[in-house]
Every structure is written in structure tokens, then in C-alpha cells.
Protein backbone atom coordinates (compact mmCIF):
# COMPACT_ATOMS: atom_id res chain seq x y z
CA MET A 1 0.00 0.00 0.00
CA ILE A 2 1.27 3.49 -0.83
CA LYS A 3 0.69 6.34 1.62
CA SER A 4 1.27 9.99 0.79
CA ASN A 5 2.26 12.46 3.47
CA LEU A 6 -0.46 14.79 2.13
CA ALA A 7 -3.24 12.26 2.36
CA GLU A 8 -6.10 13.21 4.61
CA ASN A 9 -5.57 12.23 8.31
CA ALA A 10 -2.04 11.00 7.52
CA ALA A 11 0.18 10.81 10.66
CA TYR A 12 3.45 12.68 10.98
CA HIS A 13 5.98 10.21 12.37
CA ILE A 14 8.35 11.90 14.80
CA ALA A 15 11.42 10.47 16.55
CA ILE A 16 13.00 11.96 19.70
CA VAL A 17 16.50 10.76 20.59
CA ASP A 18 17.73 11.89 24.03
CA ASP A 19 19.44 9.94 26.81
CA ASN A 20 17.59 12.10 29.35
CA MET A 21 14.07 10.68 29.54
CA ALA A 22 12.66 13.65 31.47
CA GLU A 23 13.79 16.12 28.83
CA ALA A 24 12.55 13.81 26.09
CA GLU A 25 9.11 13.61 27.73
CA GLN A 26 9.05 17.39 28.06
CA LEU A 27 9.76 17.79 24.34
CA LYS A 28 7.08 15.22 23.53
CA GLY A 29 4.59 17.25 25.61
CA TYR A 30 5.31 20.40 23.62
CA ILE A 31 4.88 18.48 20.33
CA ASP A 32 1.62 16.87 21.49
CA LYS A 33 0.26 20.26 22.51
CA TYR A 34 1.13 21.79 19.12
CA PHE A 35 -0.58 19.04 17.15
CA SER A 36 -3.65 19.01 19.42
CA GLU A 37 -4.12 22.69 18.64
CA HIS A 38 -3.29 22.59 14.91
CA LEU A 39 -3.57 19.01 13.58
CA PRO A 40 -5.44 16.79 16.03
CA ASN A 41 -4.87 13.03 15.78
CA CYS A 42 -2.29 13.58 13.07
CA HIS A 43 1.04 12.66 14.63
CA GLU A 44 2.94 9.87 16.32
CA VAL A 45 6.00 10.32 18.57
CA CYS A 46 8.60 7.66 19.42
CA ILE A 47 11.21 8.32 22.14
CA TYR A 48 14.64 6.67 22.03
CA GLN A 49 17.02 6.88 25.00
CA ASN A 50 19.53 4.87 23.01
CA SER A 51 20.47 6.14 19.55
CA ASN A 52 21.46 2.63 18.47
CA LYS A 53 17.85 1.51 18.80
CA LEU A 54 16.78 4.23 16.36
CA ILE A 55 19.31 2.94 13.85
CA TRP A 56 18.01 -0.59 14.32
CA ASP A 57 14.43 0.55 13.74
CA ILE A 58 15.44 2.49 10.62
CA GLU A 59 17.27 -0.57 9.37
CA ASP A 60 14.03 -2.45 9.95
CA ARG A 61 12.37 0.13 7.63
CA LYS A 62 10.62 2.23 10.21
CA TYR A 63 9.90 5.64 8.72
CA PHE A 64 10.02 9.09 10.38
CA ASP A 65 9.22 12.57 9.08
CA ILE A 66 11.08 14.54 11.76
CA TYR A 67 14.09 13.65 13.94
CA PHE A 68 14.66 15.60 17.20
CA LEU A 69 18.23 14.75 18.25
CA ASP A 70 20.31 15.53 21.29
CA VAL A 71 23.97 16.21 20.46
CA GLU A 72 25.91 14.69 23.34
CA MET A 73 24.86 11.21 24.47
CA PRO A 74 27.62 9.44 26.40
CA GLU A 75 28.46 5.82 25.64
CA GLN A 76 26.42 5.82 22.42
CA ILE A 77 26.31 7.43 19.01
CA GLY A 78 26.14 11.23 19.32
CA GLY A 79 23.64 13.39 17.48
CA LEU A 80 26.10 14.65 14.84
CA GLU A 81 27.27 11.18 13.85
CA LEU A 82 23.71 9.88 14.13
CA ALA A 83 22.57 12.39 11.46
CA GLY A 84 25.04 10.89 8.99
CA ARG A 85 23.82 7.37 9.77
CA ILE A 86 20.19 8.45 9.27
CA LYS A 87 21.03 9.99 5.86
CA SER A 88 22.37 6.68 4.68
CA TYR A 89 18.81 5.28 4.99
CA ASP A 90 16.59 8.34 4.56
CA MET A 91 17.19 10.48 1.48
CA GLU A 92 15.84 13.77 2.86
CA PRO A 93 15.64 13.61 6.67
CA VAL A 94 14.36 16.64 8.59
CA ILE A 95 16.68 16.94 11.59
CA ILE A 96 16.17 19.35 14.49
CA TYR A 97 18.85 19.45 17.19
CA VAL A 98 17.67 20.06 20.77
CA THR A 99 20.65 20.44 23.09
CA ASN A 100 22.23 22.36 25.92
CA TYR A 101 25.45 22.90 23.96
CA VAL A 102 25.49 25.87 21.58
CA LYS A 103 29.08 25.17 20.54
CA TYR A 104 27.97 22.35 18.26
CA ALA A 105 25.74 24.60 16.14
CA PRO A 106 28.24 25.10 13.25
CA GLN A 107 28.79 21.36 12.96
CA ALA A 108 25.05 20.75 13.09
CA PHE A 109 24.40 22.92 10.08
CA GLU A 110 27.21 21.15 8.18
CA VAL A 111 24.90 18.11 8.16
CA ASN A 112 22.01 20.31 6.90
CA ALA A 113 20.11 20.43 10.16
CA PHE A 114 16.75 22.21 9.85
CA ARG A 115 16.93 23.87 13.28
CA TYR A 116 19.29 24.07 16.27
CA ILE A 117 17.27 24.76 19.43
CA PRO A 118 18.86 25.26 22.86
CA LYS A 119 16.87 23.35 25.48
CA ARG A 120 16.47 26.46 27.62
CA MET A 121 14.56 28.08 24.73
CA LEU A 122 12.54 25.00 23.80
CA ARG A 123 9.12 26.34 24.82
CA GLU A 124 9.54 29.51 22.72
CA LYS A 125 11.14 27.90 19.67
CA ILE A 126 9.27 24.60 19.24
CA THR A 127 6.11 26.20 17.84
CA GLU A 128 8.08 28.28 15.35
CA ALA A 129 10.13 25.23 14.32
CA LEU A 130 7.04 23.08 13.71
CA ASP A 131 5.30 25.91 11.83
CA CYS A 132 8.27 26.00 9.47
CA VAL A 133 9.00 22.31 9.21
CA LEU A 134 5.51 21.01 8.37
CA PRO A 135 5.23 22.97 5.07
CA LYS A 136 8.68 21.67 4.20
CA ILE A 137 7.49 18.11 4.80
CA GLU A 138 4.44 18.76 2.63
CA GLN A 139 6.70 20.07 -0.11
CA MET A 140 8.93 17.01 0.22
CA SER A 141 5.88 14.77 0.01
CA GLN A 142 5.34 16.06 -3.53
CA ARG A 143 8.64 14.39 -4.39
CA THR A 144 8.40 11.25 -2.27
CA TYR A 145 6.07 8.41 -1.51
CA VAL A 146 6.01 5.96 1.39
CA VAL A 147 5.44 2.26 0.83
CA GLU A 148 4.12 0.03 3.58
CA VAL A 149 6.26 -3.10 3.53
CA ALA A 150 6.70 -6.07 5.81
CA GLY A 151 8.04 -4.74 9.07
CA GLY A 152 7.50 -1.02 8.50
CA LEU A 153 7.49 1.87 6.03
CA GLU A 154 9.99 2.78 3.35
CA LYS A 155 10.33 6.17 1.61
CA PHE A 156 11.26 6.64 -2.07
CA CYS A 157 12.02 9.78 -4.03
CA THR A 158 10.05 10.21 -7.26
CA LYS A 159 9.84 13.89 -8.06
CA THR A 160 13.00 15.96 -8.52
CA SER A 161 11.59 18.72 -10.67
CA TYR A 162 9.81 21.79 -9.32
CA LEU A 163 8.40 22.87 -12.66
CA SER A 164 4.74 23.76 -12.71
CA ALA A 165 2.40 22.40 -15.35
CA ARG A 166 2.27 25.79 -17.04
CA THR A 167 6.06 25.90 -17.20
CA GLU A 168 6.12 22.42 -18.74
CA ILE A 169 3.52 23.46 -21.34
CA LEU A 170 5.67 26.50 -22.15
CA ILE A 171 8.74 24.29 -22.60
CA TYR A 172 6.90 21.87 -24.90
CA PHE A 173 5.45 24.76 -26.92
CA THR A 174 8.91 26.33 -27.23
CA ILE A 175 10.30 23.06 -28.57
CA PHE A 176 7.45 22.96 -31.08
CA LEU A 177 8.17 26.53 -32.24
CA ILE A 178 11.88 25.77 -32.65
CA CYS A 179 11.02 22.76 -34.81
CA VAL A 180 8.70 24.87 -36.96
CA ILE A 181 11.14 27.76 -37.38
CA TYR A 182 14.12 25.53 -38.20
CA ARG A 183 12.13 22.88 -40.06
CA LYS A 184 14.22 23.25 -43.25
CA ASN A 185 17.47 22.70 -41.37
CA ILE A 186 15.91 19.79 -39.50
CA VAL A 187 14.68 18.23 -42.74
CA ARG A 188 18.12 18.67 -44.31
CA PHE A 189 19.71 17.07 -41.27
CA LEU A 190 17.27 14.16 -41.31
CA ARG A 191 17.70 13.60 -45.05
CA ASN A 192 21.41 13.02 -44.52
CA MET A 193 20.87 10.42 -41.82
CA PRO A 194 20.49 6.69 -42.39
CA PHE A 195 16.90 5.47 -42.13
CA ARG A 196 17.37 3.04 -39.26
CA ASN A 197 19.36 5.49 -37.16
CA ILE A 198 16.55 8.03 -37.42
CA ILE A 199 13.99 5.57 -36.09
CA PHE A 200 16.28 4.48 -33.25
CA ILE A 201 16.94 8.09 -32.26
CA MET A 202 13.24 8.95 -32.30
CA ILE A 203 12.36 5.89 -30.22
CA GLY A 204 15.09 6.78 -27.74
CA PHE A 205 13.79 10.36 -27.62
CA ILE A 206 10.27 9.16 -26.83
CA GLU A 207 11.61 6.86 -24.12
CA ILE A 208 13.54 9.73 -22.52
CA ALA A 209 10.42 11.90 -22.66
CA ILE A 210 8.37 9.20 -20.94
CA VAL A 211 11.00 8.74 -18.21
CA CYS A 212 11.17 12.51 -17.65
CA TYR A 213 7.40 12.67 -17.44
CA VAL A 214 7.20 9.87 -14.88
CA ILE A 215 9.93 11.47 -12.78
CA ASN A 216 8.32 14.88 -13.09
CA THR A 217 4.81 13.83 -12.08
CA GLY A 218 5.58 11.34 -9.34
CA LEU A 219 3.66 8.23 -8.31
CA LYS A 220 1.32 9.62 -5.66
CA PRO A 221 -2.30 8.46 -5.62
CA GLU A 222 -3.87 11.82 -4.84
CA LYS A 223 -4.55 14.20 -7.72
CA ASP A 224 -2.60 17.40 -7.94
CA LYS A 225 -4.55 20.26 -9.45
CA ASN A 226 -1.92 20.62 -12.18
CA ASP A 227 -1.74 16.92 -13.07
CA GLY A 228 -4.45 17.25 -15.74
CA LEU A 229 -2.64 20.12 -17.42
CA THR A 230 0.72 18.34 -17.22
CA GLY A 231 -0.69 15.09 -18.60
CA SER A 232 -2.45 16.90 -21.46
CA ALA A 233 0.71 18.81 -22.31
CA PHE A 234 2.75 15.65 -22.30
CA MET A 235 0.25 13.79 -24.48
CA LEU A 236 0.27 16.74 -26.90
CA PHE A 237 4.06 16.59 -26.93
CA LEU A 238 4.04 12.85 -27.61
CA PHE A 239 1.52 13.42 -30.41
CA PHE A 240 3.87 15.98 -31.93
CA VAL A 241 6.79 13.54 -31.65
CA GLY A 242 4.66 10.89 -33.37
CA ILE A 243 3.93 13.30 -36.22
CA CYS A 244 7.66 14.00 -36.52
CA VAL A 245 8.43 10.28 -36.69
CA GLY A 246 5.76 9.80 -39.39
CA PHE A 247 7.09 12.78 -41.31
CA VAL A 248 10.64 11.43 -41.14
CA ILE A 249 9.50 8.03 -42.38
CA LEU A 250 7.65 9.72 -45.25
CA LEU A 251 10.76 11.72 -46.15
CA GLU A 252 12.88 8.60 -46.09
CA TYR A 253 10.37 6.74 -48.25
CA GLN A 254 10.41 9.57 -50.79
CA GLU A 255 14.20 9.52 -50.76
CA ILE A 256 14.21 5.76 -51.36
CA VAL A 257 11.78 6.16 -54.28
CA ARG A 258 13.92 8.97 -55.70
CA THR A 259 17.10 6.91 -55.35
CA ASN A 260 15.40 3.98 -57.04
CA HIS A 261 14.42 6.18 -60.01
CA LEU A 262 17.96 7.55 -60.23
CA LEU A 263 19.43 4.06 -60.25
CA HIS A 264 17.01 3.01 -63.00
CA SER A 265 17.90 6.12 -64.99
CA ASN A 266 21.62 5.46 -64.62
CA GLU A 267 21.06 1.85 -65.58
CA MET A 268 19.32 2.93 -68.80
CA LYS A 269 22.14 5.36 -69.62
CA MET A 270 24.71 2.66 -68.97
CA LYS A 271 22.89 0.19 -71.23
CA PHE A 272 22.62 2.79 -73.98
CA ASN A 273 26.28 3.75 -73.71
CA TYR A 274 27.27 0.10 -73.50
CA ASN A 275 25.51 -0.55 -76.81
CA MET A 276 27.17 2.49 -78.35
CA LEU A 277 30.55 1.39 -77.03
CA SER A 278 29.98 -2.09 -78.45
CA ASP A 279 29.34 -0.51 -81.84
CA GLU A 280 32.54 1.52 -81.51
CA ILE A 281 34.51 -1.58 -80.61
CA ALA A 282 33.04 -3.37 -83.62
CA LYS A 283 34.10 -0.46 -85.83
CA ASP A 284 37.60 -0.60 -84.34
CA TYR A 285 37.81 -4.31 -85.06
CA LYS A 286 36.75 -3.61 -88.64
CA ALA A 287 39.32 -0.82 -88.92
CA VAL A 288 42.07 -3.14 -87.65
CA HIS A 289 40.94 -5.74 -90.15
CA ASP A 290 40.95 -3.18 -92.97
CA ARG A 291 44.35 -1.86 -91.91
CA ARG A 292 45.72 -5.38 -92.18
CA HIS A 293 44.57 -5.54 -95.80
CA ASP A 294 46.01 -2.06 -96.39
CA MET A 295 49.41 -3.24 -95.16
CA GLU A 296 49.26 -6.33 -97.37
CA TYR A 297 48.40 -4.20 -100.44
CA ILE A 298 51.27 -1.77 -99.73
CA TYR A 299 53.61 -4.71 -99.22
CA GLU A 300 52.71 -6.14 -102.63
CA CYS A 301 53.32 -2.72 -104.22
CA MET A 302 56.76 -2.54 -102.62
CA LYS A 303 57.51 -6.12 -103.60
CA GLU A 304 56.67 -5.38 -107.26
CA GLN A 305 58.61 -2.09 -106.99
CA ASP A 306 55.50 -0.15 -108.01
CA TYR A 307 56.33 2.66 -105.62
CA GLU A 308 54.08 5.24 -107.22
CA LYS A 309 51.03 3.04 -106.82
CA GLY A 310 51.89 2.32 -103.18
CA LEU A 311 52.47 6.02 -102.47
CA ARG A 312 49.08 7.00 -103.87
CA TYR A 313 47.43 4.37 -101.68
CA ILE A 314 49.21 5.67 -98.56
CA GLU A 315 48.13 9.23 -99.36
CA LYS A 316 44.56 8.02 -99.70
CA ILE A 317 44.69 6.35 -96.29
CA ASN A 318 46.22 9.45 -94.68
CA ALA A 319 43.50 11.65 -96.15
CA LEU A 320 40.81 9.43 -94.64
CA ASP A 321 42.55 9.40 -91.26
CA GLU A 322 43.01 13.18 -91.30
CA LYS A 323 39.31 13.64 -91.99
CA ILE A 324 38.46 11.42 -89.05
CA TYR A 325 40.85 13.16 -86.66
CA LYS A 326 39.85 16.60 -87.86
CA ASN A 327 36.20 15.98 -87.00
CA SER A 328 36.93 14.40 -83.60
CA THR A 329 37.63 15.80 -80.14
CA TRP A 330 40.67 14.71 -78.16
CA THR A 331 40.89 15.79 -74.49
CA GLY A 332 43.11 13.09 -73.05
CA TYR A 333 40.19 11.43 -71.26
CA GLY A 334 39.04 8.43 -73.29
CA THR A 335 35.51 8.26 -71.87
CA VAL A 336 34.95 11.99 -72.36
CA ASP A 337 36.30 11.87 -75.92
CA TYR A 338 34.04 8.95 -76.74
CA LEU A 339 31.01 10.71 -75.27
CA ILE A 340 31.59 14.01 -77.07
CA ASN A 341 32.42 12.42 -80.43
CA LYS A 342 29.40 10.14 -80.17
CA ALA A 343 27.13 13.11 -79.49
CA VAL A 344 28.60 15.12 -82.38
CA ARG A 345 28.19 12.23 -84.82
CA ARG A 346 24.62 11.67 -83.73
CA CYS A 347 23.82 15.36 -84.25
CA ARG A 348 25.37 15.42 -87.71
CA GLU A 349 23.56 12.27 -88.74
CA ASN A 350 20.26 13.95 -87.73
CA GLU A 351 21.14 17.40 -89.10
CA VAL A 352 21.36 19.06 -85.72
CA ARG A 353 23.78 22.00 -85.57
CA VAL A 354 26.58 21.59 -83.04
CA LEU A 355 28.55 24.44 -81.48
CA SER A 356 31.32 23.50 -79.05
CA ASP A 357 34.16 25.16 -77.21
CA ILE A 358 36.43 22.86 -75.18
CA GLU A 359 39.40 24.22 -73.26
CA PHE A 360 40.60 22.19 -70.29
CA THR A 361 43.40 19.88 -69.28
CA VAL A 362 42.12 18.42 -66.01
CA ILE A 363 38.57 17.59 -64.96
CA PRO A 364 37.75 18.65 -61.36
CA ILE A 365 35.84 15.55 -60.25
CA ALA A 366 36.03 11.77 -60.62
CA GLU A 367 35.94 10.75 -64.28
CA TYR A 368 32.95 8.47 -63.71
CA ASP A 369 30.91 11.32 -62.16
CA PHE A 370 31.97 13.69 -64.94
CA PHE A 371 30.85 11.11 -67.49
CA THR A 372 27.46 10.84 -65.71
CA VAL A 373 26.94 14.62 -65.80
CA LEU A 374 27.99 15.04 -69.43
CA ALA A 375 26.12 11.94 -70.69
CA ASN A 376 22.81 13.01 -69.12
CA LEU A 377 23.05 16.63 -70.22
CA LEU A 378 24.09 15.84 -73.81
CA ASP A 379 21.42 13.14 -74.21
CA ASN A 380 18.72 15.48 -72.88
CA ALA A 381 19.91 18.31 -75.13
CA ILE A 382 19.97 16.13 -78.26
CA GLU A 383 16.55 14.61 -77.50
CA ALA A 384 15.03 18.09 -77.18
CA ALA A 385 16.80 19.44 -80.29
CA LEU A 386 15.63 16.53 -82.45
CA LYS A 387 12.04 17.67 -81.91
CA CYS A 388 12.79 21.18 -83.19
CA GLU A 389 12.94 22.66 -86.66
CA GLY A 390 14.89 25.56 -88.11
CA GLU A 391 17.00 27.74 -85.82
CA LYS A 392 15.97 25.84 -82.72
CA ARG A 393 17.46 22.58 -84.02
CA TYR A 394 20.83 22.94 -82.34
CA ILE A 395 22.92 22.15 -79.26
CA ALA A 396 25.88 24.13 -77.89
CA PHE A 397 28.26 23.05 -75.14
CA ASN A 398 31.31 24.63 -73.54
CA LEU A 399 33.73 22.85 -71.23
CA LYS A 400 36.29 25.24 -69.76
CA SER A 401 38.60 25.55 -66.79
CA PHE A 402 39.51 28.94 -65.32
CA TYR A 403 41.30 29.91 -62.10
CA ASN A 404 40.97 26.38 -60.61
CA ASN A 405 37.26 26.41 -61.42
CA PHE A 406 35.51 24.35 -64.06
CA SER A 407 32.46 25.37 -66.09
CA ILE A 408 30.00 23.19 -68.00
CA TYR A 409 27.60 25.14 -70.19
CA ILE A 410 25.05 23.36 -72.37
CA SER A 411 22.16 24.92 -74.26
CA ASN A 412 19.68 23.57 -76.76
CA GLY A 413 16.45 24.50 -78.49
CA TYR A 414 13.12 23.07 -77.38
CA GLN A 415 9.76 22.86 -79.07
CA ASP A 416 7.35 22.22 -76.20
CA GLU A 417 7.48 23.98 -72.85
CA PRO A 418 9.33 21.80 -70.30
CA ARG A 419 7.07 20.09 -67.74
CA ARG A 420 8.00 19.94 -64.07
CA ASP A 421 6.98 18.06 -60.96
CA GLY A 422 8.26 20.36 -58.22
CA ASP A 423 11.97 20.80 -58.91
CA ARG A 424 12.13 17.75 -61.16
CA PHE A 425 11.77 18.00 -64.93
CA ILE A 426 9.47 15.39 -66.48
CA SER A 427 10.44 13.69 -69.70
CA ASP A 428 8.07 13.60 -72.68
CA ASN A 429 8.81 9.89 -73.06
CA ALA A 430 5.49 8.52 -71.89
CA GLY A 431 4.96 4.99 -70.67
CA ASP A 432 8.21 4.68 -68.72
CA LYS A 433 8.42 6.26 -65.29
CA ARG A 434 12.18 5.92 -65.30
CA HIS A 435 12.50 8.71 -67.87
CA GLY A 436 13.01 12.28 -66.73
CA TRP A 437 15.52 11.56 -63.96
CA GLY A 438 18.67 12.56 -65.87
CA VAL A 439 18.72 16.09 -64.46
CA GLU A 440 18.27 14.65 -60.95
CA CYS A 441 21.35 12.47 -61.47
CA VAL A 442 23.25 15.60 -62.45
CA ARG A 443 21.97 17.48 -59.40
CA ASP A 444 23.22 14.72 -57.11
CA VAL A 445 26.72 14.81 -58.59
CA VAL A 446 26.88 18.62 -58.40
CA ARG A 447 25.70 18.50 -54.77
CA LYS A 448 28.26 15.79 -54.01
CA TYR A 449 31.13 18.10 -55.03
CA ASP A 450 29.59 21.30 -53.60
CA GLY A 451 29.14 22.74 -57.07
CA ILE A 452 26.66 25.30 -58.34
CA MET A 453 23.97 24.41 -60.87
CA ASP A 454 21.63 26.86 -62.59
CA ILE A 455 18.84 25.95 -65.03
CA GLU A 456 16.82 28.43 -67.05
CA TYR A 457 14.60 28.21 -70.12
CA HIS A 458 12.84 30.85 -72.15
CA ASP A 459 12.04 31.69 -75.78
CA GLY A 460 12.71 28.15 -76.95
CA LYS A 461 16.19 28.02 -75.39
CA PHE A 462 17.08 25.65 -72.53
CA ILE A 463 20.32 26.39 -70.61
CA VAL A 464 22.19 24.40 -67.97
CA ASP A 465 25.15 26.13 -66.34
CA ILE A 466 27.34 24.27 -63.83
CA ILE A 467 30.41 25.46 -61.96
CA PHE A 468 32.71 23.29 -59.87
CA ILE A 469 34.76 25.46 -57.56
CA GLY A 470 38.35 24.31 -57.19
């Protein structure tokens, strides 16, 4: 059974420890008189002539609200040492020293004694002491509860916070306002966290909130007038935390869907470029095969000493090679050269004008990421230009390095106004949801290297401008 000190008709348990029985009885008389006048039938006094017996009773879980202690008790534990022993069993004992020796007062207050009353002034001071100590006990009862166990009573501390319900509501509301004001930063922070870690952190946060609530409200059976407000505020706070958890899960789900689309988009680009690369390899094999026949023909000319015929054939081969090299781009990066030359050939085969300006020696990011950016942008530009006629049927791209910075500029004509879903551009290729994620792949790479990306479109001209800062 749990008893609160504030329960109606609850007894105040008082211990008097004094080796002088007459003086102890006198003190008990003053206490009885006070309670008969102020709180009838609401106290219980135990007298101990031997301080050791008090310790034994406390060890047997006997509970007291107030301890009146004498200081000097020959051949037994003195009042100062006894206070330390009591504190080892009772978390917040209320100790009042009643003694003939004023010299011990400084030491008494070192053990946090509530009062130090000389016995000659007992009649005058006891009423004042009890007037002050009882409200303190009531205040302590808000933070403690007493459990009736086998052999006695035991006191536990449950409430360590003195915050009112209104203060708690203000704290919860302040937390809510902070979350609203800094929601963008919070969302950005949450987006960069792994999914499982977010859930674990939120669960831990809720558990901490529950523990704090239990500690802050206590486990007393009687209803405090602020309990309803505190409980409502806490439930509102938990509801808000639940909304945050749901919102985080939704954000993570959207991020997973977005990542899935990006992976599908990259997979399509890789398949397309793989097929194109296979065609290039086949052409190289054919070229090697043809060059073998060229060498055999020249050898036969030399063998027959028909030098003029062999020379004309070599000049013909050189002219073809010069035409190929003249119309190709060579940057020193094989994948970039392949990508640019493939795009240029595709444009020429489809009568799309190409304007290019390439001036760089080193690319600022990983070659694979650079390939991803350039492949997506060039493919999107060509696809849009192929739908145009006249002056709009063009693409232009500039790749330049300047002052440790690197610029990628690509523009193209477009026929139909670009469609968007939020910040994402939607492809006109209907029937396949994986289309339209190329620009998102580019955004991710630019964000990865802390670059700057700007997109604008007007008057039939679509422009993508990217800068990687060195």
C-alpha cells in the first residue's frame, strides 16, 4: 500500500532521541500540545534513549518525518554522527537538534540540520520550528512516496523537478516553435541520416520523454490540481513527436523512391552507352581488319617495286585518317572523348547543328561522375533538339577551366514547354516512369562536389550552367 504524506488524516511520524528521559518527555509534551491545537490526531512520537535503537528501527524500515536529536549522548552514538547514519537510509531527513550545547551549532548545520534549538529556549522555539518544518514536509511529500512493507514503512524519491504544469507546457510549446522555425534545417539534417538510425533516435527520444514525465509527475495516488494540465501537455508533446516520426519516415520513403528512379535512370544510360561502345569496338575491329589488308596491299606494291602506286594508296589512307581526326575531339580522357564524339556524330547524322568550345586539361571531379553529368546533359539536349525545326534545331556546349574552377555550359532548343513536378523535370517519353531523372542524377553529382547548378529556359532556349569550384 502506498501512503502519501499529504493524504487526509495522515500521521506525521516523529522520533525523539535523548538519553535524558525527562527532557525527552518534556519535548514530547510540547509536540503533542502543538498538534492538538493545529492538527489533532495527526502525529505519532517515538522516544529513544539509546540512539542505536533508532538505527536498528530504521534498518528495519521504520519511517520518520522529523528527527529531534540531542547532540551529546555518552556511551552511544552522538547526534552529529547519528545524522550521517540516518542519511544513509533516509534520502531527505528533517533533523532538528535540541541540546544544551550551543558550541555544536556550526557542525550541526554542516549536516544540513533544519533547526538548532537550545533546550532552555525550547518552549519559545518549538512552535516556530514546527510551523516552518511542516510545510517543508508537505513540499517534500510532492517528491516522495512511502510504501508500507513487511516490518515497517519505506520512503522513495520520485519527483525531482519543481516545474509547474504551465512551465512544462511552455517548454513543450517552445520546442514545437523551434522545430517549426528551423524545419528546413531539421529536414536537411534528417535527409542526410540513415533510415534506421533516425527511427532508433526517435524511439530513444520518446523513451527519454516518458521517463522525464514519470519522474516529473511522481507516483502519488492523490490528484494534484496541475496533473491534468501536465498530462495533457505531455500527451500533446508525444503526439507531436509521433507526427515527426511519421514525417521522417515519409521523407525517407520519398528519398528511397527517388534513389530507385535515379538508379534506374543510370542503368538505362549505362545500357545505352554500352551498346554504343559495343558498336565503336566493332568499328575498331573492322578498322584493324581493314588496316591489315592495307598493309598487305602496300607490301605487294613494294615487292613489285610499283612505288608510285603504293604512295598513292598511302596518301589516300592518310587523307581518310586526317578527316576522321579533324572531326573528332581529343581531351586526353578516353571516356569523355568517346562521349563528345558520339554526341557530335549523332547530331550530324540527324542534321542538328553543333557548337562547341572545349578548353581544359584536367577535370575537377572523378571521371565516372563527370561522365554521368555530361552523358545526361548531352542526351537530354539532343533529344530536345531533335524535336525542333529551323534555328531551334541545335545544341551548344562549352567545357572550360579557369582559375581552378571548371564550367560546364550546355544549351539547346526546345519545341514544347518543359514540364515539371516540383523541382524535377518530367520527360516527354510517356509509358516509362524511369524517364526524366537525368537532371536529378546531375543534381546529385553537383551537390556531391559542392558545385553550383543553374537551369533556365525561355524563348525556346534551354540552358544548364554548372560550376565546380576548385
